[in-house]
Amino acid sequence: MTTPSELRARAAELEQRVPPLTAGPRTDDEQMWLEKAAALRAEADRAEGDTPAT
């Protein structure tokens, strides 16, 4: 199982592929990477919410 920190690290890797918005319009690939990063972060948030408090 992937940990929330691993999911967030993968999201950060995807976001680093995307140049700043000032570089011009996003390509389809860049938009896909940002959407995937957002999904990974949401999954990490859900996983943390499912973790029982100790």
C-alpha atoms as a PDB file:
ATOM      1  CA  MET A   1       0.000   0.000   0.000  1.00  0.00           C
ATOM      2  CA  THR A   2       1.256   3.462  -0.847  1.00  0.00           C
ATOM      3  CA  THR A   3       1.607   5.861   2.064  1.00  0.00           C
ATOM      4  CA  PRO A   4       0.217   9.412   1.996  1.00  0.00           C
ATOM      5  CA  SER A   5       3.740  10.829   1.961  1.00  0.00           C
ATOM      6  CA  GLU A   6       4.613   8.696  -1.079  1.00  0.00           C
ATOM      7  CA  LEU A   7       1.464   9.897  -2.847  1.00  0.00           C
ATOM      8  CA  ARG A   8       2.341  13.523  -2.107  1.00  0.00           C
ATOM      9  CA  ALA A   9       5.907  12.997  -3.320  1.00  0.00           C
ATOM     10  CA  ARG A  10       4.596  11.597  -6.613  1.00  0.00           C
ATOM     11  CA  ALA A  11       2.223  14.564  -6.925  1.00  0.00           C
ATOM     12  CA  ALA A  12       5.140  16.958  -6.414  1.00  0.00           C
ATOM     13  CA  GLU A  13       7.142  15.156  -9.129  1.00  0.00           C
ATOM     14  CA  LEU A  14       4.280  15.592 -11.585  1.00  0.00           C
ATOM     15  CA  GLU A  15       3.852  19.264 -10.698  1.00  0.00           C
ATOM     16  CA  GLN A  16       7.557  19.889 -11.258  1.00  0.00           C
ATOM     17  CA  ARG A  17       7.158  18.754 -14.877  1.00  0.00           C
ATOM     18  CA  VAL A  18       4.813  21.677 -15.556  1.00  0.00           C
ATOM     19  CA  PRO A  19       6.407  25.035 -16.379  1.00  0.00           C
ATOM     20  CA  PRO A  20       4.996  28.192 -14.768  1.00  0.00           C
ATOM     21  CA  LEU A  21       1.780  29.505 -16.278  1.00  0.00           C
ATOM     22  CA  THR A  22       3.679  32.590 -17.446  1.00  0.00           C
ATOM     23  CA  ALA A  23       5.495  30.300 -19.909  1.00  0.00           C
ATOM     24  CA  GLY A  24       2.333  30.061 -21.986  1.00  0.00           C
ATOM     25  CA  PRO A  25      -0.827  28.010 -22.247  1.00  0.00           C
ATOM     26  CA  ARG A  26      -0.816  24.525 -20.763  1.00  0.00           C
ATOM     27  CA  THR A  27      -0.466  21.584 -23.115  1.00  0.00           C
ATOM     28  CA  ASP A  28      -2.797  18.622 -22.791  1.00  0.00           C
ATOM     29  CA  ASP A  29      -0.004  16.631 -21.124  1.00  0.00           C
ATOM     30  CA  GLU A  30       0.718  19.404 -18.617  1.00  0.00           C
ATOM     31  CA  GLN A  31      -2.972  19.670 -17.739  1.00  0.00           C
ATOM     32  CA  MET A  32      -3.145  15.886 -17.325  1.00  0.00           C
ATOM     33  CA  TRP A  33      -0.129  15.949 -14.961  1.00  0.00           C
ATOM     34  CA  LEU A  34      -1.739  18.660 -12.827  1.00  0.00           C
ATOM     35  CA  GLU A  35      -5.017  16.756 -12.667  1.00  0.00           C
ATOM     36  CA  LYS A  36      -3.209  13.548 -11.707  1.00  0.00           C
ATOM     37  CA  ALA A  37      -1.254  15.424  -9.014  1.00  0.00           C
ATOM     38  CA  ALA A  38      -4.503  16.796  -7.580  1.00  0.00           C
ATOM     39  CA  ALA A  39      -5.993  13.293  -7.555  1.00  0.00           C
ATOM     40  CA  LEU A  40      -2.931  11.889  -5.781  1.00  0.00           C
ATOM     41  CA  ARG A  41      -3.120  14.625  -3.131  1.00  0.00           C
ATOM     42  CA  ALA A  42      -6.836  13.928  -2.609  1.00  0.00           C
ATOM     43  CA  GLU A  43      -6.080  10.212  -2.252  1.00  0.00           C
ATOM     44  CA  ALA A  44      -3.386  11.028   0.326  1.00  0.00           C
ATOM     45  CA  ASP A  45      -5.856  13.186   2.258  1.00  0.00           C
ATOM     46  CA  ARG A  46      -8.438  10.373   2.239  1.00  0.00           C
ATOM     47  CA  ALA A  47      -5.806   7.856   3.353  1.00  0.00           C
ATOM     48  CA  GLU A  48      -4.819  10.068   6.269  1.00  0.00           C
ATOM     49  CA  GLY A  49      -8.473  10.428   7.232  1.00  0.00           C
ATOM     50  CA  ASP A  50      -8.839   6.643   7.293  1.00  0.00           C
ATOM     51  CA  THR A  51      -5.842   6.224   9.590  1.00  0.00           C
ATOM     52  CA  PRO A  52      -6.953   5.488  13.164  1.00  0.00           C
ATOM     53  CA  ALA A  53      -5.698   7.909  15.807  1.00  0.00           C
ATOM     54  CA  THR A  54      -3.098   6.488  18.151  1.00  0.00           C
END
